[in-house]
Amino acid sequence: MVDTVVLYGIKTCSTVKKAMKWLEDRGIPVRYHDVRKDGLTAALLEGWVEAVGWEKLLNRSSLTFRRLDEAQRQDLTQARAVALMLEHPTLVRRPVLESGKTVTVGFRPELYEGLFAPTA
């Protein structure tokens, strides 16, 4: 039995769309959470940071990041990065997938294959 799968992202992100299609094509039930509309909580972000690290979670190549003041982008710490991601959810690298206790960031078919491979 598959654990509850939650995919976090934004509807306009092409990578989120690819991940969602991959899951749907394999009949994997997924709950979608739009980080822009539905928001994020500090507890959720802290859990992701613990699982994957804030450096991996923060999308420094995003338009949102590039639009931040130079002072906001410099000398980032975990606490400052989490605060920025809470204020600007589109700074989170997408998609974030939670399946049971596993958290992954980004979409690569081989990564998802490993997560959802049938167990004998």
N, C-alpha and C. Protein backbone atom coordinates (compact mmCIF):
# COMPACT_ATOMS: atom_id res chain seq x y z
N MET A 1 0.84 -1.19 0.00
CA MET A 1 0.00 0.00 0.00
C MET A 1 0.88 1.24 0.00
N VAL A 2 0.53 2.19 -0.84
CA VAL A 2 1.30 3.43 -0.97
C VAL A 2 0.88 4.39 0.12
N ASP A 3 1.89 5.02 0.76
CA ASP A 3 1.61 6.06 1.73
C ASP A 3 0.95 7.24 1.03
N THR A 4 0.38 8.13 1.82
CA THR A 4 -0.18 9.35 1.25
C THR A 4 0.93 10.11 0.55
N VAL A 5 0.67 10.49 -0.69
CA VAL A 5 1.65 11.23 -1.48
C VAL A 5 1.13 12.65 -1.65
N VAL A 6 1.97 13.62 -1.30
CA VAL A 6 1.61 15.02 -1.46
C VAL A 6 2.66 15.67 -2.34
N LEU A 7 2.21 16.36 -3.37
CA LEU A 7 3.09 17.07 -4.28
C LEU A 7 2.88 18.56 -4.07
N TYR A 8 3.96 19.27 -3.74
CA TYR A 8 3.92 20.70 -3.50
C TYR A 8 4.55 21.42 -4.68
N GLY A 9 3.87 22.46 -5.14
CA GLY A 9 4.41 23.24 -6.26
C GLY A 9 3.50 24.37 -6.62
N ILE A 10 3.67 24.87 -7.85
CA ILE A 10 2.75 25.86 -8.40
C ILE A 10 2.27 25.34 -9.75
N LYS A 11 1.02 25.65 -10.07
CA LYS A 11 0.36 25.09 -11.27
C LYS A 11 1.10 25.42 -12.57
N THR A 12 1.76 26.58 -12.63
CA THR A 12 2.39 27.00 -13.88
C THR A 12 3.77 26.41 -14.10
N CYS A 13 4.30 25.69 -13.13
CA CYS A 13 5.65 25.12 -13.24
C CYS A 13 5.63 23.87 -14.11
N SER A 14 6.44 23.86 -15.16
CA SER A 14 6.46 22.73 -16.08
C SER A 14 6.99 21.46 -15.40
N THR A 15 7.92 21.60 -14.47
CA THR A 15 8.45 20.42 -13.78
C THR A 15 7.40 19.81 -12.87
N VAL A 16 6.60 20.65 -12.23
CA VAL A 16 5.49 20.15 -11.40
C VAL A 16 4.50 19.39 -12.28
N LYS A 17 4.20 19.95 -13.45
CA LYS A 17 3.27 19.28 -14.37
C LYS A 17 3.80 17.91 -14.80
N LYS A 18 5.10 17.82 -15.07
CA LYS A 18 5.70 16.54 -15.47
C LYS A 18 5.60 15.53 -14.33
N ALA A 19 5.89 15.97 -13.11
CA ALA A 19 5.83 15.07 -11.96
C ALA A 19 4.40 14.58 -11.75
N MET A 20 3.44 15.49 -11.84
CA MET A 20 2.03 15.14 -11.64
C MET A 20 1.59 14.12 -12.71
N LYS A 21 1.98 14.35 -13.95
CA LYS A 21 1.62 13.44 -15.03
C LYS A 21 2.26 12.06 -14.80
N TRP A 22 3.51 12.05 -14.38
CA TRP A 22 4.20 10.79 -14.11
C TRP A 22 3.43 10.00 -13.06
N LEU A 23 3.04 10.65 -11.97
CA LEU A 23 2.31 9.99 -10.89
C LEU A 23 0.94 9.50 -11.37
N GLU A 24 0.22 10.37 -12.08
CA GLU A 24 -1.11 10.01 -12.58
C GLU A 24 -1.04 8.85 -13.56
N ASP A 25 -0.04 8.86 -14.47
CA ASP A 25 0.11 7.78 -15.45
C ASP A 25 0.32 6.42 -14.80
N ARG A 26 0.85 6.41 -13.58
CA ARG A 26 1.10 5.17 -12.87
C ARG A 26 0.03 4.85 -11.84
N GLY A 27 -1.02 5.64 -11.84
CA GLY A 27 -2.14 5.39 -10.94
C GLY A 27 -1.82 5.64 -9.48
N ILE A 28 -0.84 6.48 -9.23
CA ILE A 28 -0.45 6.78 -7.85
C ILE A 28 -1.30 7.94 -7.36
N PRO A 29 -2.13 7.71 -6.35
CA PRO A 29 -2.99 8.79 -5.85
C PRO A 29 -2.12 9.87 -5.20
N VAL A 30 -2.40 11.10 -5.58
CA VAL A 30 -1.59 12.21 -5.10
C VAL A 30 -2.50 13.38 -4.70
N ARG A 31 -2.12 14.02 -3.62
CA ARG A 31 -2.80 15.25 -3.21
C ARG A 31 -1.88 16.40 -3.61
N TYR A 32 -2.42 17.38 -4.30
CA TYR A 32 -1.63 18.52 -4.76
C TYR A 32 -1.80 19.69 -3.80
N HIS A 33 -0.71 20.35 -3.48
CA HIS A 33 -0.72 21.52 -2.60
C HIS A 33 -0.01 22.65 -3.33
N ASP A 34 -0.76 23.69 -3.67
CA ASP A 34 -0.20 24.86 -4.36
C ASP A 34 0.44 25.78 -3.32
N VAL A 35 1.76 25.89 -3.36
CA VAL A 35 2.46 26.68 -2.33
C VAL A 35 2.13 28.16 -2.43
N ARG A 36 1.76 28.61 -3.61
CA ARG A 36 1.42 30.02 -3.76
C ARG A 36 0.03 30.30 -3.17
N LYS A 37 -0.94 29.45 -3.51
CA LYS A 37 -2.32 29.66 -3.04
C LYS A 37 -2.53 29.16 -1.61
N ASP A 38 -2.03 27.97 -1.32
CA ASP A 38 -2.29 27.33 -0.03
C ASP A 38 -1.26 27.68 1.03
N GLY A 39 -0.12 28.23 0.60
CA GLY A 39 0.91 28.66 1.54
C GLY A 39 1.71 27.53 2.14
N LEU A 40 2.63 27.92 3.00
CA LEU A 40 3.51 26.99 3.70
C LEU A 40 3.55 27.37 5.17
N THR A 41 3.85 26.41 6.01
CA THR A 41 4.01 26.70 7.43
C THR A 41 5.48 26.56 7.80
N ALA A 42 5.85 27.20 8.89
CA ALA A 42 7.23 27.10 9.37
C ALA A 42 7.57 25.65 9.70
N ALA A 43 6.63 24.93 10.31
CA ALA A 43 6.87 23.53 10.69
C ALA A 43 7.12 22.66 9.46
N LEU A 44 6.34 22.88 8.40
CA LEU A 44 6.51 22.12 7.17
C LEU A 44 7.88 22.39 6.57
N LEU A 45 8.23 23.67 6.44
CA LEU A 45 9.53 24.04 5.88
C LEU A 45 10.68 23.49 6.72
N GLU A 46 10.57 23.58 8.03
CA GLU A 46 11.62 23.06 8.91
C GLU A 46 11.80 21.56 8.71
N GLY A 47 10.70 20.84 8.52
CA GLY A 47 10.79 19.40 8.25
C GLY A 47 11.51 19.12 6.95
N TRP A 48 11.21 19.90 5.92
CA TRP A 48 11.89 19.72 4.63
C TRP A 48 13.37 20.04 4.76
N VAL A 49 13.68 21.12 5.47
CA VAL A 49 15.08 21.51 5.66
C VAL A 49 15.84 20.40 6.39
N GLU A 50 15.21 19.82 7.39
CA GLU A 50 15.83 18.72 8.11
C GLU A 50 16.07 17.53 7.19
N ALA A 51 15.14 17.28 6.28
CA ALA A 51 15.23 16.12 5.39
C ALA A 51 16.22 16.32 4.25
N VAL A 52 16.24 17.51 3.64
CA VAL A 52 17.04 17.69 2.43
C VAL A 52 18.07 18.82 2.52
N GLY A 53 17.97 19.67 3.53
CA GLY A 53 18.89 20.80 3.65
C GLY A 53 18.33 22.05 2.99
N TRP A 54 18.55 23.21 3.63
CA TRP A 54 17.99 24.45 3.08
C TRP A 54 18.63 24.84 1.76
N GLU A 55 19.90 24.49 1.56
CA GLU A 55 20.58 24.86 0.33
C GLU A 55 19.95 24.17 -0.88
N LYS A 56 19.52 22.94 -0.70
CA LYS A 56 18.86 22.21 -1.79
C LYS A 56 17.43 22.72 -2.01
N LEU A 57 16.80 23.14 -0.94
CA LEU A 57 15.40 23.56 -1.00
C LEU A 57 15.23 24.95 -1.60
N LEU A 58 16.19 25.83 -1.35
CA LEU A 58 16.09 27.22 -1.83
C LEU A 58 16.45 27.29 -3.30
N ASN A 59 15.54 27.82 -4.10
CA ASN A 59 15.75 27.93 -5.55
C ASN A 59 16.39 29.28 -5.87
N ARG A 60 17.72 29.29 -5.89
CA ARG A 60 18.47 30.53 -6.15
C ARG A 60 18.38 30.98 -7.60
N SER A 61 17.91 30.10 -8.50
CA SER A 61 17.81 30.49 -9.90
C SER A 61 16.41 31.02 -10.25
N SER A 62 15.53 31.08 -9.27
CA SER A 62 14.17 31.54 -9.54
C SER A 62 14.13 33.05 -9.77
N LEU A 63 13.14 33.46 -10.53
CA LEU A 63 12.92 34.88 -10.78
C LEU A 63 12.67 35.61 -9.46
N THR A 64 11.96 34.97 -8.56
CA THR A 64 11.69 35.58 -7.24
C THR A 64 12.99 35.87 -6.51
N PHE A 65 13.92 34.91 -6.53
CA PHE A 65 15.20 35.11 -5.84
C PHE A 65 15.97 36.25 -6.49
N ARG A 66 16.00 36.28 -7.81
CA ARG A 66 16.75 37.33 -8.52
C ARG A 66 16.16 38.71 -8.28
N ARG A 67 14.87 38.77 -7.96
CA ARG A 67 14.22 40.05 -7.72
C ARG A 67 14.38 40.56 -6.27
N LEU A 68 14.90 39.70 -5.39
CA LEU A 68 15.13 40.13 -4.02
C LEU A 68 16.22 41.20 -3.98
N ASP A 69 16.19 42.04 -2.96
CA ASP A 69 17.27 43.00 -2.76
C ASP A 69 18.57 42.24 -2.59
N GLU A 70 19.65 42.85 -3.04
CA GLU A 70 20.97 42.23 -2.91
C GLU A 70 21.25 41.84 -1.46
N ALA A 71 20.87 42.70 -0.53
CA ALA A 71 21.12 42.44 0.90
C ALA A 71 20.40 41.19 1.37
N GLN A 72 19.22 40.90 0.82
CA GLN A 72 18.47 39.71 1.20
C GLN A 72 19.11 38.44 0.66
N ARG A 73 19.82 38.56 -0.45
CA ARG A 73 20.43 37.39 -1.09
C ARG A 73 21.80 37.05 -0.52
N GLN A 74 22.42 37.98 0.15
CA GLN A 74 23.78 37.79 0.66
C GLN A 74 23.79 37.15 2.04
N ASP A 75 24.85 36.42 2.31
CA ASP A 75 25.10 35.84 3.64
C ASP A 75 23.90 35.11 4.22
N LEU A 76 23.31 34.26 3.40
CA LEU A 76 22.14 33.51 3.87
C LEU A 76 22.52 32.47 4.90
N THR A 77 21.68 32.35 5.89
CA THR A 77 21.77 31.30 6.89
C THR A 77 20.51 30.46 6.75
N GLN A 78 20.44 29.35 7.45
CA GLN A 78 19.24 28.53 7.41
C GLN A 78 18.03 29.32 7.87
N ALA A 79 18.16 30.05 8.97
CA ALA A 79 17.02 30.80 9.51
C ALA A 79 16.55 31.87 8.53
N ARG A 80 17.48 32.57 7.92
CA ARG A 80 17.09 33.61 6.96
C ARG A 80 16.48 33.01 5.70
N ALA A 81 17.02 31.88 5.25
CA ALA A 81 16.48 31.22 4.06
C ALA A 81 15.06 30.73 4.32
N VAL A 82 14.83 30.13 5.48
CA VAL A 82 13.48 29.66 5.82
C VAL A 82 12.51 30.84 5.90
N ALA A 83 12.94 31.93 6.50
CA ALA A 83 12.08 33.12 6.60
C ALA A 83 11.74 33.65 5.21
N LEU A 84 12.70 33.67 4.30
CA LEU A 84 12.45 34.12 2.93
C LEU A 84 11.47 33.19 2.21
N MET A 85 11.64 31.87 2.40
CA MET A 85 10.75 30.91 1.74
C MET A 85 9.33 31.00 2.30
N LEU A 86 9.21 31.31 3.58
CA LEU A 86 7.88 31.52 4.17
C LEU A 86 7.22 32.76 3.58
N GLU A 87 8.01 33.80 3.41
CA GLU A 87 7.48 35.05 2.87
C GLU A 87 7.21 34.94 1.37
N HIS A 88 8.06 34.21 0.66
CA HIS A 88 7.95 34.04 -0.79
C HIS A 88 7.99 32.55 -1.12
N PRO A 89 6.85 31.84 -1.05
CA PRO A 89 6.84 30.39 -1.28
C PRO A 89 7.41 29.95 -2.63
N THR A 90 7.42 30.85 -3.61
CA THR A 90 7.97 30.46 -4.91
C THR A 90 9.49 30.35 -4.89
N LEU A 91 10.12 30.64 -3.74
CA LEU A 91 11.55 30.42 -3.59
C LEU A 91 11.88 28.95 -3.33
N VAL A 92 10.86 28.14 -3.06
CA VAL A 92 11.09 26.71 -2.83
C VAL A 92 11.28 26.02 -4.17
N ARG A 93 12.35 25.26 -4.27
CA ARG A 93 12.61 24.49 -5.50
C ARG A 93 11.47 23.49 -5.67
N ARG A 94 10.99 23.32 -6.89
CA ARG A 94 9.81 22.51 -7.15
C ARG A 94 10.13 21.33 -8.06
N PRO A 95 9.26 20.32 -7.92
CA PRO A 95 8.27 20.09 -6.87
C PRO A 95 8.92 19.47 -5.64
N VAL A 96 8.23 19.61 -4.53
CA VAL A 96 8.60 18.88 -3.32
C VAL A 96 7.57 17.76 -3.20
N LEU A 97 8.06 16.54 -3.02
CA LEU A 97 7.17 15.38 -2.92
C LEU A 97 7.38 14.75 -1.56
N GLU A 98 6.27 14.55 -0.86
CA GLU A 98 6.29 13.82 0.41
C GLU A 98 5.57 12.50 0.18
N SER A 99 6.24 11.43 0.52
CA SER A 99 5.64 10.11 0.45
C SER A 99 6.05 9.38 1.71
N GLY A 100 5.11 9.25 2.63
CA GLY A 100 5.45 8.68 3.93
C GLY A 100 6.41 9.62 4.63
N LYS A 101 7.56 9.10 5.02
CA LYS A 101 8.57 9.92 5.70
C LYS A 101 9.64 10.42 4.73
N THR A 102 9.48 10.13 3.44
CA THR A 102 10.46 10.53 2.44
C THR A 102 10.09 11.88 1.84
N VAL A 103 11.09 12.74 1.72
CA VAL A 103 10.92 14.05 1.08
C VAL A 103 11.93 14.14 -0.05
N THR A 104 11.45 14.48 -1.24
CA THR A 104 12.35 14.69 -2.38
C THR A 104 12.07 16.06 -2.97
N VAL A 105 13.10 16.62 -3.60
CA VAL A 105 12.99 17.94 -4.22
C VAL A 105 13.38 17.78 -5.68
N GLY A 106 12.57 18.35 -6.56
CA GLY A 106 12.82 18.25 -8.00
C GLY A 106 12.16 17.00 -8.55
N PHE A 107 12.18 16.88 -9.88
CA PHE A 107 11.59 15.70 -10.50
C PHE A 107 12.59 15.10 -11.47
N ARG A 108 12.88 13.84 -11.24
CA ARG A 108 13.64 13.02 -12.17
C ARG A 108 12.93 11.68 -12.20
N PRO A 109 12.54 11.20 -13.38
CA PRO A 109 11.80 9.93 -13.44
C PRO A 109 12.49 8.79 -12.70
N GLU A 110 13.82 8.70 -12.78
CA GLU A 110 14.51 7.59 -12.11
C GLU A 110 14.40 7.70 -10.58
N LEU A 111 14.35 8.91 -10.07
CA LEU A 111 14.17 9.11 -8.63
C LEU A 111 12.78 8.61 -8.21
N TYR A 112 11.77 9.01 -8.97
CA TYR A 112 10.40 8.59 -8.66
C TYR A 112 10.24 7.08 -8.84
N GLU A 113 10.90 6.51 -9.86
CA GLU A 113 10.84 5.06 -10.07
C GLU A 113 11.33 4.34 -8.82
N GLY A 114 12.44 4.83 -8.25
CA GLY A 114 12.98 4.22 -7.05
C GLY A 114 12.04 4.33 -5.87
N LEU A 115 11.35 5.46 -5.76
CA LEU A 115 10.42 5.67 -4.66
C LEU A 115 9.18 4.79 -4.74
N PHE A 116 8.71 4.59 -5.97
CA PHE A 116 7.43 3.90 -6.16
C PHE A 116 7.56 2.54 -6.83
N ALA A 117 8.78 1.98 -6.77
CA ALA A 117 8.97 0.65 -7.36
C ALA A 117 8.14 -0.36 -6.59
N PRO A 118 7.48 -1.27 -7.30
CA PRO A 118 6.68 -2.28 -6.61
C PRO A 118 7.57 -3.13 -5.70
N THR A 119 7.07 -3.45 -4.53
CA THR A 119 7.82 -4.32 -3.62
C THR A 119 7.27 -5.74 -3.74
N ALA A 120 8.17 -6.67 -3.74
CA ALA A 120 7.75 -8.08 -3.90
C ALA A 120 7.43 -8.70 -2.57
